[in-house]
Amino acid sequence: MKRQEPPAPPVVLLCGGLGLRQRTEGDDLPKPLRPLPDGRPLLLHVMDYYRAFGLCEFILCVGYGAEDIEKLLLNEFLVRPDAIDAGAGWHRFEAAGLRITLVDSGPRAAKNLRLLDAREHIGEGPFLLGYADVLSDFDLNALVERHTATDGLLTLVATRVRSRFGELVVDGGTTVTGFEEKPQRPALVSAGYFMCAPELFDALAPDTELETHVLPGLVAERAVHAVVHEGLWLPLDTYKDFIDVEELMKREGFPWLEPI
């Protein structure tokens, strides 16, 4: 009998926050809708990254700008209004080989509450979790393989960040003996890509936060594993980050669609 491959995990994207750090004055465009130089909004590029690995089920945890995000997706995938399934706080449609569910928890809901609201749509198996404002050339297969090989509740991608400033080396007196322009820091940080066991939901509470409460607790229980990524990582937290990505695209095109 031919061995059957396990089903591809669903992708849960957190894209409901206000995104205040990237706004200019008078700019109220939700971050996932901000266009990159090719005219396509950031959210579509993020989804393209996951689709490059054959992933086709998306659960979008929306809030701020939820109606505009849904309108973008309906227009992008040519979905008729009568083809949308709906329930309390969620809409779902299928198009272009994709199954997309939008779960709206409101603009100010904490990430844990958004995940708990989306739980019924995620299913009973492991799932991928990510942010709608991060681009990378990380090979998601490595994350899936590491998670499958461990017994932890959560496996994350760890990477390194570059300093925002040039760093000086000064001797014991006043002489500058070295300078490096925006060096890469040695410490590892979470890159915003996770694979989670369904038991993760037992650790979530609506009034706590994923990064500040849940992850430290799981780390203390040795329930978190990591895979290190040394390649391209582009967190789009600020307006300057978008400018930097625009410059990168002019030079290299779409490097996040070419997994390592």
C-alpha atoms as a PDB file:
ATOM      1  CA  MET A   1       0.000   0.000   0.000  1.00  0.00           C
ATOM      2  CA  LYS A   2       1.333   3.423  -0.913  1.00  0.00           C
ATOM      3  CA  ARG A   3       2.251   5.532   2.099  1.00  0.00           C
ATOM      4  CA  GLN A   4       0.053   8.620   2.312  1.00  0.00           C
ATOM      5  CA  GLU A   5       1.553  12.000   3.101  1.00  0.00           C
ATOM      6  CA  PRO A   6       0.022  13.810   6.106  1.00  0.00           C
ATOM      7  CA  PRO A   7      -2.253  16.701   5.183  1.00  0.00           C
ATOM      8  CA  ALA A   8      -0.607  20.097   4.828  1.00  0.00           C
ATOM      9  CA  PRO A   9      -1.089  22.188   7.967  1.00  0.00           C
ATOM     10  CA  PRO A  10      -3.292  25.278   7.857  1.00  0.00           C
ATOM     11  CA  VAL A  11      -1.612  28.671   8.023  1.00  0.00           C
ATOM     12  CA  VAL A  12      -2.851  31.067  10.686  1.00  0.00           C
ATOM     13  CA  LEU A  13      -1.873  34.693  10.035  1.00  0.00           C
ATOM     14  CA  LEU A  14      -2.129  37.423  12.661  1.00  0.00           C
ATOM     15  CA  CYS A  15      -3.134  40.533  10.729  1.00  0.00           C
ATOM     16  CA  GLY A  16      -5.564  42.421  12.937  1.00  0.00           C
ATOM     17  CA  GLY A  17      -3.412  44.923  14.808  1.00  0.00           C
ATOM     18  CA  LEU A  18      -3.334  48.683  14.364  1.00  0.00           C
ATOM     19  CA  GLY A  19       0.237  48.769  13.041  1.00  0.00           C
ATOM     20  CA  LEU A  20       0.853  52.222  14.476  1.00  0.00           C
ATOM     21  CA  ARG A  21       4.654  52.038  14.242  1.00  0.00           C
ATOM     22  CA  GLN A  22       4.637  52.191  10.461  1.00  0.00           C
ATOM     23  CA  ARG A  23       2.184  55.032   9.975  1.00  0.00           C
ATOM     24  CA  THR A  24       2.952  58.519   8.859  1.00  0.00           C
ATOM     25  CA  GLU A  25       0.727  61.354  10.011  1.00  0.00           C
ATOM     26  CA  GLY A  26      -2.786  60.998   8.620  1.00  0.00           C
ATOM     27  CA  ASP A  27      -2.083  57.482   7.317  1.00  0.00           C
ATOM     28  CA  ASP A  28      -4.708  54.999   8.491  1.00  0.00           C
ATOM     29  CA  LEU A  29      -4.080  52.254   5.926  1.00  0.00           C
ATOM     30  CA  PRO A  30      -3.874  48.831   7.626  1.00  0.00           C
ATOM     31  CA  LYS A  31      -0.338  47.508   7.393  1.00  0.00           C
ATOM     32  CA  PRO A  32      -1.286  44.319   5.460  1.00  0.00           C
ATOM     33  CA  LEU A  33      -2.836  46.521   2.753  1.00  0.00           C
ATOM     34  CA  ARG A  34       0.184  48.756   2.223  1.00  0.00           C
ATOM     35  CA  PRO A  35       1.378  48.177  -1.362  1.00  0.00           C
ATOM     36  CA  LEU A  36       4.904  47.197  -2.293  1.00  0.00           C
ATOM     37  CA  PRO A  37       6.510  48.553  -5.490  1.00  0.00           C
ATOM     38  CA  ASP A  38       4.721  46.060  -7.731  1.00  0.00           C
ATOM     39  CA  GLY A  39       1.398  47.531  -6.546  1.00  0.00           C
ATOM     40  CA  ARG A  40       0.317  44.398  -4.681  1.00  0.00           C
ATOM     41  CA  PRO A  41      -0.359  44.764  -0.936  1.00  0.00           C
ATOM     42  CA  LEU A  42       1.971  43.202   1.625  1.00  0.00           C
ATOM     43  CA  LEU A  43      -0.604  40.577   2.655  1.00  0.00           C
ATOM     44  CA  LEU A  44      -0.648  39.048  -0.823  1.00  0.00           C
ATOM     45  CA  HIS A  45       3.152  38.768  -0.798  1.00  0.00           C
ATOM     46  CA  VAL A  46       3.045  37.048   2.596  1.00  0.00           C
ATOM     47  CA  MET A  47       0.427  34.606   1.329  1.00  0.00           C
ATOM     48  CA  ASP A  48       2.476  34.005  -1.840  1.00  0.00           C
ATOM     49  CA  TYR A  49       5.405  32.970   0.363  1.00  0.00           C
ATOM     50  CA  TYR A  50       3.353  30.255   2.069  1.00  0.00           C
ATOM     51  CA  ARG A  51       1.728  29.216  -1.210  1.00  0.00           C
ATOM     52  CA  ALA A  52       5.200  28.616  -2.657  1.00  0.00           C
ATOM     53  CA  PHE A  53       5.382  25.650  -0.260  1.00  0.00           C
ATOM     54  CA  GLY A  54       2.084  24.219  -1.475  1.00  0.00           C
ATOM     55  CA  LEU A  55       0.061  25.498   1.487  1.00  0.00           C
ATOM     56  CA  CYS A  56      -3.494  26.310   0.571  1.00  0.00           C
ATOM     57  CA  GLU A  57      -5.546  26.819   3.739  1.00  0.00           C
ATOM     58  CA  PHE A  58      -5.360  30.198   5.450  1.00  0.00           C
ATOM     59  CA  ILE A  59      -7.051  31.416   8.607  1.00  0.00           C
ATOM     60  CA  LEU A  60      -6.643  35.190   8.862  1.00  0.00           C
ATOM     61  CA  CYS A  61      -7.103  36.695  12.320  1.00  0.00           C
ATOM     62  CA  VAL A  62      -8.315  40.156  11.360  1.00  0.00           C
ATOM     63  CA  GLY A  63      -9.445  43.220  13.283  1.00  0.00           C
ATOM     64  CA  TYR A  64      -8.409  46.704  12.241  1.00  0.00           C
ATOM     65  CA  GLY A  65      -9.310  47.172   8.577  1.00  0.00           C
ATOM     66  CA  ALA A  66     -11.083  43.785   8.427  1.00  0.00           C
ATOM     67  CA  GLU A  67     -13.592  44.874   5.769  1.00  0.00           C
ATOM     68  CA  ASP A  68     -10.874  46.298   3.532  1.00  0.00           C
ATOM     69  CA  ILE A  69      -8.765  43.148   3.891  1.00  0.00           C
ATOM     70  CA  GLU A  70     -11.743  41.004   2.926  1.00  0.00           C
ATOM     71  CA  LYS A  71     -12.501  43.259  -0.037  1.00  0.00           C
ATOM     72  CA  LEU A  72      -8.894  42.934  -1.216  1.00  0.00           C
ATOM     73  CA  LEU A  73      -9.063  39.134  -1.112  1.00  0.00           C
ATOM     74  CA  LEU A  74     -12.446  38.927  -2.812  1.00  0.00           C
ATOM     75  CA  ASN A  75     -11.205  41.144  -5.629  1.00  0.00           C
ATOM     76  CA  GLU A  76      -7.862  39.328  -5.912  1.00  0.00           C
ATOM     77  CA  PHE A  77      -9.469  35.897  -6.213  1.00  0.00           C
ATOM     78  CA  LEU A  78     -12.604  37.002  -8.098  1.00  0.00           C
ATOM     79  CA  VAL A  79     -15.029  35.706  -5.469  1.00  0.00           C
ATOM     80  CA  ARG A  80     -18.724  36.398  -5.873  1.00  0.00           C
ATOM     81  CA  PRO A  81     -20.639  37.584  -2.775  1.00  0.00           C
ATOM     82  CA  ASP A  82     -22.939  34.553  -2.970  1.00  0.00           C
ATOM     83  CA  ALA A  83     -19.910  32.233  -2.716  1.00  0.00           C
ATOM     84  CA  ILE A  84     -19.039  33.378   0.826  1.00  0.00           C
ATOM     85  CA  ASP A  85     -19.935  31.257   3.850  1.00  0.00           C
ATOM     86  CA  ALA A  86     -20.465  33.233   7.035  1.00  0.00           C
ATOM     87  CA  GLY A  87     -21.075  32.788  10.729  1.00  0.00           C
ATOM     88  CA  ALA A  88     -20.754  34.801  13.920  1.00  0.00           C
ATOM     89  CA  GLY A  89     -17.471  36.705  13.536  1.00  0.00           C
ATOM     90  CA  TRP A  90     -16.160  34.801  10.517  1.00  0.00           C
ATOM     91  CA  HIS A  91     -16.356  34.633   6.709  1.00  0.00           C
ATOM     92  CA  ARG A  92     -14.985  31.877   4.464  1.00  0.00           C
ATOM     93  CA  PHE A  93     -14.557  31.318   0.740  1.00  0.00           C
ATOM     94  CA  GLU A  94     -12.697  29.003  -1.619  1.00  0.00           C
ATOM     95  CA  ALA A  95     -10.996  30.146  -4.817  1.00  0.00           C
ATOM     96  CA  ALA A  96      -7.856  29.479  -6.884  1.00  0.00           C
ATOM     97  CA  GLY A  97      -7.288  26.255  -4.960  1.00  0.00           C
ATOM     98  CA  LEU A  98      -7.276  28.137  -1.637  1.00  0.00           C
ATOM     99  CA  ARG A  99      -9.553  27.991   1.383  1.00  0.00           C
ATOM    100  CA  ILE A 100      -9.520  31.312   3.238  1.00  0.00           C
ATOM    101  CA  THR A 101     -11.276  32.040   6.528  1.00  0.00           C
ATOM    102  CA  LEU A 102     -11.339  35.497   8.084  1.00  0.00           C
ATOM    103  CA  VAL A 103     -11.985  35.619  11.836  1.00  0.00           C
ATOM    104  CA  ASP A 104     -12.693  39.114  13.176  1.00  0.00           C
ATOM    105  CA  SER A 105     -11.987  39.676  16.884  1.00  0.00           C
ATOM    106  CA  GLY A 106     -12.029  43.478  16.674  1.00  0.00           C
ATOM    107  CA  PRO A 107      -9.165  45.960  16.346  1.00  0.00           C
ATOM    108  CA  ARG A 108      -7.897  45.850  19.938  1.00  0.00           C
ATOM    109  CA  ALA A 109      -8.044  42.154  20.765  1.00  0.00           C
ATOM    110  CA  ALA A 110      -4.891  40.504  22.113  1.00  0.00           C
ATOM    111  CA  LYS A 111      -3.224  37.848  19.968  1.00  0.00           C
ATOM    112  CA  ASN A 112      -4.278  35.064  22.338  1.00  0.00           C
ATOM    113  CA  LEU A 113      -7.925  36.074  22.051  1.00  0.00           C
ATOM    114  CA  ARG A 114      -7.633  36.163  18.257  1.00  0.00           C
ATOM    115  CA  LEU A 115      -6.193  32.644  18.286  1.00  0.00           C
ATOM    116  CA  LEU A 116      -8.871  31.357  20.627  1.00  0.00           C
ATOM    117  CA  ASP A 117     -11.569  32.859  18.392  1.00  0.00           C
ATOM    118  CA  ALA A 118      -9.994  31.090  15.409  1.00  0.00           C
ATOM    119  CA  ARG A 119      -9.604  27.738  17.167  1.00  0.00           C
ATOM    120  CA  GLU A 120     -12.739  26.116  15.722  1.00  0.00           C
ATOM    121  CA  HIS A 121     -11.510  26.883  12.188  1.00  0.00           C
ATOM    122  CA  ILE A 122      -7.968  25.561  12.675  1.00  0.00           C
ATOM    123  CA  GLY A 123      -8.843  21.921  13.229  1.00  0.00           C
ATOM    124  CA  GLU A 124      -7.384  19.287  15.544  1.00  0.00           C
ATOM    125  CA  GLY A 125      -3.886  18.950  14.099  1.00  0.00           C
ATOM    126  CA  PRO A 126      -0.700  21.035  14.145  1.00  0.00           C
ATOM    127  CA  PHE A 127      -0.775  24.407  12.436  1.00  0.00           C
ATOM    128  CA  LEU A 128       1.594  27.075  11.191  1.00  0.00           C
ATOM    129  CA  LEU A 129       1.371  30.491  12.804  1.00  0.00           C
ATOM    130  CA  GLY A 130       2.846  33.705  11.477  1.00  0.00           C
ATOM    131  CA  TYR A 131       2.545  37.456  11.153  1.00  0.00           C
ATOM    132  CA  ALA A 132       1.221  39.272   8.106  1.00  0.00           C
ATOM    133  CA  ASP A 133       4.102  41.775   8.200  1.00  0.00           C
ATOM    134  CA  VAL A 134       7.152  39.504   7.822  1.00  0.00           C
ATOM    135  CA  LEU A 135       8.880  38.345   4.632  1.00  0.00           C
ATOM    136  CA  SER A 136      11.693  35.814   4.463  1.00  0.00           C
ATOM    137  CA  ASP A 137      13.426  33.217   2.315  1.00  0.00           C
ATOM    138  CA  PHE A 138      13.323  30.681   5.155  1.00  0.00           C
ATOM    139  CA  ASP A 139      12.571  27.086   4.118  1.00  0.00           C
ATOM    140  CA  LEU A 140       9.334  26.241   5.936  1.00  0.00           C
ATOM    141  CA  ASN A 141      10.016  22.542   5.408  1.00  0.00           C
ATOM    142  CA  ALA A 142      12.803  22.826   7.988  1.00  0.00           C
ATOM    143  CA  LEU A 143      10.313  24.162  10.533  1.00  0.00           C
ATOM    144  CA  VAL A 144       7.850  21.351   9.862  1.00  0.00           C
ATOM    145  CA  GLU A 145      10.610  18.734  10.090  1.00  0.00           C
ATOM    146  CA  ARG A 146      11.963  20.111  13.374  1.00  0.00           C
ATOM    147  CA  HIS A 147       8.504  20.311  14.940  1.00  0.00           C
ATOM    148  CA  THR A 148       7.633  16.786  13.835  1.00  0.00           C
ATOM    149  CA  ALA A 149      10.864  15.459  15.330  1.00  0.00           C
ATOM    150  CA  THR A 150      10.206  16.957  18.779  1.00  0.00           C
ATOM    151  CA  ASP A 151       7.509  16.595  21.390  1.00  0.00           C
ATOM    152  CA  GLY A 152       7.192  20.309  22.152  1.00  0.00           C
ATOM    153  CA  LEU A 153       4.095  22.456  21.949  1.00  0.00           C
ATOM    154  CA  LEU A 154       5.711  25.082  19.753  1.00  0.00           C
ATOM    155  CA  THR A 155       8.642  25.297  17.368  1.00  0.00           C
ATOM    156  CA  LEU A 156       9.859  28.691  16.209  1.00  0.00           C
ATOM    157  CA  VAL A 157      12.281  30.122  13.703  1.00  0.00           C
ATOM    158  CA  ALA A 158      15.159  32.024  15.299  1.00  0.00           C
ATOM    159  CA  THR A 159      17.229  34.588  13.412  1.00  0.00           C
ATOM    160  CA  ARG A 160      19.577  37.501  13.973  1.00  0.00           C
ATOM    161  CA  VAL A 161      18.954  41.215  13.529  1.00  0.00           C
ATOM    162  CA  ARG A 162      21.261  43.952  12.340  1.00  0.00           C
ATOM    163  CA  SER A 163      22.032  46.919  14.536  1.00  0.00           C
ATOM    164  CA  ARG A 164      20.232  50.100  13.524  1.00  0.00           C
ATOM    165  CA  PHE A 165      23.492  51.988  13.895  1.00  0.00           C
ATOM    166  CA  GLY A 166      27.126  51.669  12.991  1.00  0.00           C
ATOM    167  CA  GLU A 167      29.132  50.323  15.955  1.00  0.00           C
ATOM    168  CA  LEU A 168      32.451  51.674  17.205  1.00  0.00           C
ATOM    169  CA  VAL A 169      35.335  49.961  18.942  1.00  0.00           C
ATOM    170  CA  VAL A 170      37.150  52.366  21.299  1.00  0.00           C
ATOM    171  CA  ASP A 171      40.403  51.543  23.079  1.00  0.00           C
ATOM    172  CA  GLY A 172      41.111  52.275  26.729  1.00  0.00           C
ATOM    173  CA  GLY A 173      41.684  55.902  25.891  1.00  0.00           C
ATOM    174  CA  THR A 174      39.790  57.885  23.268  1.00  0.00           C
ATOM    175  CA  THR A 175      41.012  56.354  20.044  1.00  0.00           C
ATOM    176  CA  VAL A 176      38.470  54.661  17.782  1.00  0.00           C
ATOM    177  CA  THR A 177      40.084  51.438  16.621  1.00  0.00           C
ATOM    178  CA  GLY A 178      37.236  49.975  14.605  1.00  0.00           C
ATOM    179  CA  PHE A 179      33.941  50.711  12.899  1.00  0.00           C
ATOM    180  CA  GLU A 180      31.327  48.422  11.419  1.00  0.00           C
ATOM    181  CA  GLU A 181      28.245  49.700   9.609  1.00  0.00           C
ATOM    182  CA  LYS A 182      25.085  48.130  11.080  1.00  0.00           C
ATOM    183  CA  PRO A 183      26.629  44.785  12.072  1.00  0.00           C
ATOM    184  CA  GLN A 184      24.591  41.671  12.604  1.00  0.00           C
ATOM    185  CA  ARG A 185      24.047  41.071  16.304  1.00  0.00           C
ATOM    186  CA  PRO A 186      24.960  37.665  17.740  1.00  0.00           C
ATOM    187  CA  ALA A 187      21.783  37.210  19.780  1.00  0.00           C
ATOM    188  CA  LEU A 188      18.912  35.212  18.302  1.00  0.00           C
ATOM    189  CA  VAL A 189      15.355  36.570  18.130  1.00  0.00           C
ATOM    190  CA  SER A 190      12.060  35.050  17.108  1.00  0.00           C
ATOM    191  CA  ALA A 191      11.508  35.517  13.376  1.00  0.00           C
ATOM    192  CA  GLY A 192       7.716  35.302  13.651  1.00  0.00           C
ATOM    193  CA  TYR A 193       7.270  31.839  12.124  1.00  0.00           C
ATOM    194  CA  PHE A 194       5.875  29.109  14.358  1.00  0.00           C
ATOM    195  CA  MET A 195       4.531  25.592  14.145  1.00  0.00           C
ATOM    196  CA  CYS A 196       2.186  24.725  16.968  1.00  0.00           C
ATOM    197  CA  ALA A 197       0.673  21.600  18.439  1.00  0.00           C
ATOM    198  CA  PRO A 198      -3.089  21.859  19.032  1.00  0.00           C
ATOM    199  CA  GLU A 199      -2.396  21.537  22.777  1.00  0.00           C
ATOM    200  CA  LEU A 200      -1.025  25.079  22.616  1.00  0.00           C
ATOM    201  CA  PHE A 201      -4.579  26.330  23.029  1.00  0.00           C
ATOM    202  CA  ASP A 202      -4.597  24.958  26.584  1.00  0.00           C
ATOM    203  CA  ALA A 203      -1.888  27.488  27.437  1.00  0.00           C
ATOM    204  CA  LEU A 204      -3.779  30.482  26.010  1.00  0.00           C
ATOM    205  CA  ALA A 205      -5.987  32.843  27.975  1.00  0.00           C
ATOM    206  CA  PRO A 206      -7.905  35.805  26.483  1.00  0.00           C
ATOM    207  CA  ASP A 207      -6.306  38.353  28.819  1.00  0.00           C
ATOM    208  CA  THR A 208      -2.661  37.302  28.298  1.00  0.00           C
ATOM    209  CA  GLU A 209      -0.249  37.902  25.442  1.00  0.00           C
ATOM    210  CA  LEU A 210       1.516  35.312  23.339  1.00  0.00           C
ATOM    211  CA  GLU A 211       5.016  36.796  23.452  1.00  0.00           C
ATOM    212  CA  THR A 212       5.097  38.211  26.976  1.00  0.00           C
ATOM    213  CA  HIS A 213       3.189  35.528  28.884  1.00  0.00           C
ATOM    214  CA  VAL A 214       2.724  32.277  26.976  1.00  0.00           C
ATOM    215  CA  LEU A 215       6.125  31.828  25.321  1.00  0.00           C
ATOM    216  CA  PRO A 216       8.175  32.466  28.498  1.00  0.00           C
ATOM    217  CA  GLY A 217       6.001  29.973  30.359  1.00  0.00           C
ATOM    218  CA  LEU A 218       6.441  27.315  27.685  1.00  0.00           C
ATOM    219  CA  VAL A 219      10.184  27.960  27.576  1.00  0.00           C
ATOM    220  CA  ALA A 220      10.335  27.385  31.343  1.00  0.00           C
ATOM    221  CA  GLU A 221       8.615  24.029  30.747  1.00  0.00           C
ATOM    222  CA  ARG A 222      11.127  23.209  27.967  1.00  0.00           C
ATOM    223  CA  ALA A 223       8.229  22.914  25.528  1.00  0.00           C
ATOM    224  CA  VAL A 224       9.682  25.253  22.873  1.00  0.00           C
ATOM    225  CA  HIS A 225      12.156  24.241  20.169  1.00  0.00           C
ATOM    226  CA  ALA A 226      13.862  26.304  17.479  1.00  0.00           C
ATOM    227  CA  VAL A 227      15.408  26.120  14.053  1.00  0.00           C
ATOM    228  CA  VAL A 228      17.924  28.837  13.144  1.00  0.00           C
ATOM    229  CA  HIS A 229      17.661  30.887   9.957  1.00  0.00           C
ATOM    230  CA  GLU A 230      20.728  32.822   8.784  1.00  0.00           C
ATOM    231  CA  GLY A 231      19.218  34.135   5.543  1.00  0.00           C
ATOM    232  CA  LEU A 232      16.914  36.947   4.493  1.00  0.00           C
ATOM    233  CA  TRP A 233      14.495  38.219   7.145  1.00  0.00           C
ATOM    234  CA  LEU A 234      12.398  41.336   6.643  1.00  0.00           C
ATOM    235  CA  PRO A 235      10.124  42.424   9.521  1.00  0.00           C
ATOM    236  CA  LEU A 236       8.030  45.347   8.316  1.00  0.00           C
ATOM    237  CA  ASP A 237       7.380  47.074  11.625  1.00  0.00           C
ATOM    238  CA  THR A 238       7.991  50.682  10.613  1.00  0.00           C
ATOM    239  CA  TYR A 239       7.574  52.976   7.651  1.00  0.00           C
ATOM    240  CA  LYS A 240      11.368  52.844   7.153  1.00  0.00           C
ATOM    241  CA  ASP A 241      11.154  49.057   6.895  1.00  0.00           C
ATOM    242  CA  PHE A 242       8.822  49.446   3.924  1.00  0.00           C
ATOM    243  CA  ILE A 243      11.255  51.865   2.288  1.00  0.00           C
ATOM    244  CA  ASP A 244      14.098  49.379   2.792  1.00  0.00           C
ATOM    245  CA  VAL A 245      12.055  46.542   1.260  1.00  0.00           C
ATOM    246  CA  GLU A 246      11.164  48.734  -1.696  1.00  0.00           C
ATOM    247  CA  GLU A 247      14.876  49.321  -2.327  1.00  0.00           C
ATOM    248  CA  LEU A 248      15.562  45.597  -2.012  1.00  0.00           C
ATOM    249  CA  MET A 249      12.830  44.771  -4.525  1.00  0.00           C
ATOM    250  CA  LYS A 250      14.290  47.210  -7.024  1.00  0.00           C
ATOM    251  CA  ARG A 251      17.613  45.357  -6.787  1.00  0.00           C
ATOM    252  CA  GLU A 252      16.526  41.722  -6.356  1.00  0.00           C
ATOM    253  CA  GLY A 253      12.855  41.351  -7.196  1.00  0.00           C
ATOM    254  CA  PHE A 254      11.039  38.957  -4.864  1.00  0.00           C
ATOM    255  CA  PRO A 255      13.705  36.972  -2.980  1.00  0.00           C
ATOM    256  CA  TRP A 256      11.188  35.637  -0.431  1.00  0.00           C
ATOM    257  CA  LEU A 257       9.582  33.557  -3.208  1.00  0.00           C
ATOM    258  CA  GLU A 258      12.835  31.646  -3.670  1.00  0.00           C
ATOM    259  CA  PRO A 259      13.114  29.453  -0.550  1.00  0.00           C
ATOM    260  CA  ILE A 260      16.597  28.316   0.451  1.00  0.00           C
END
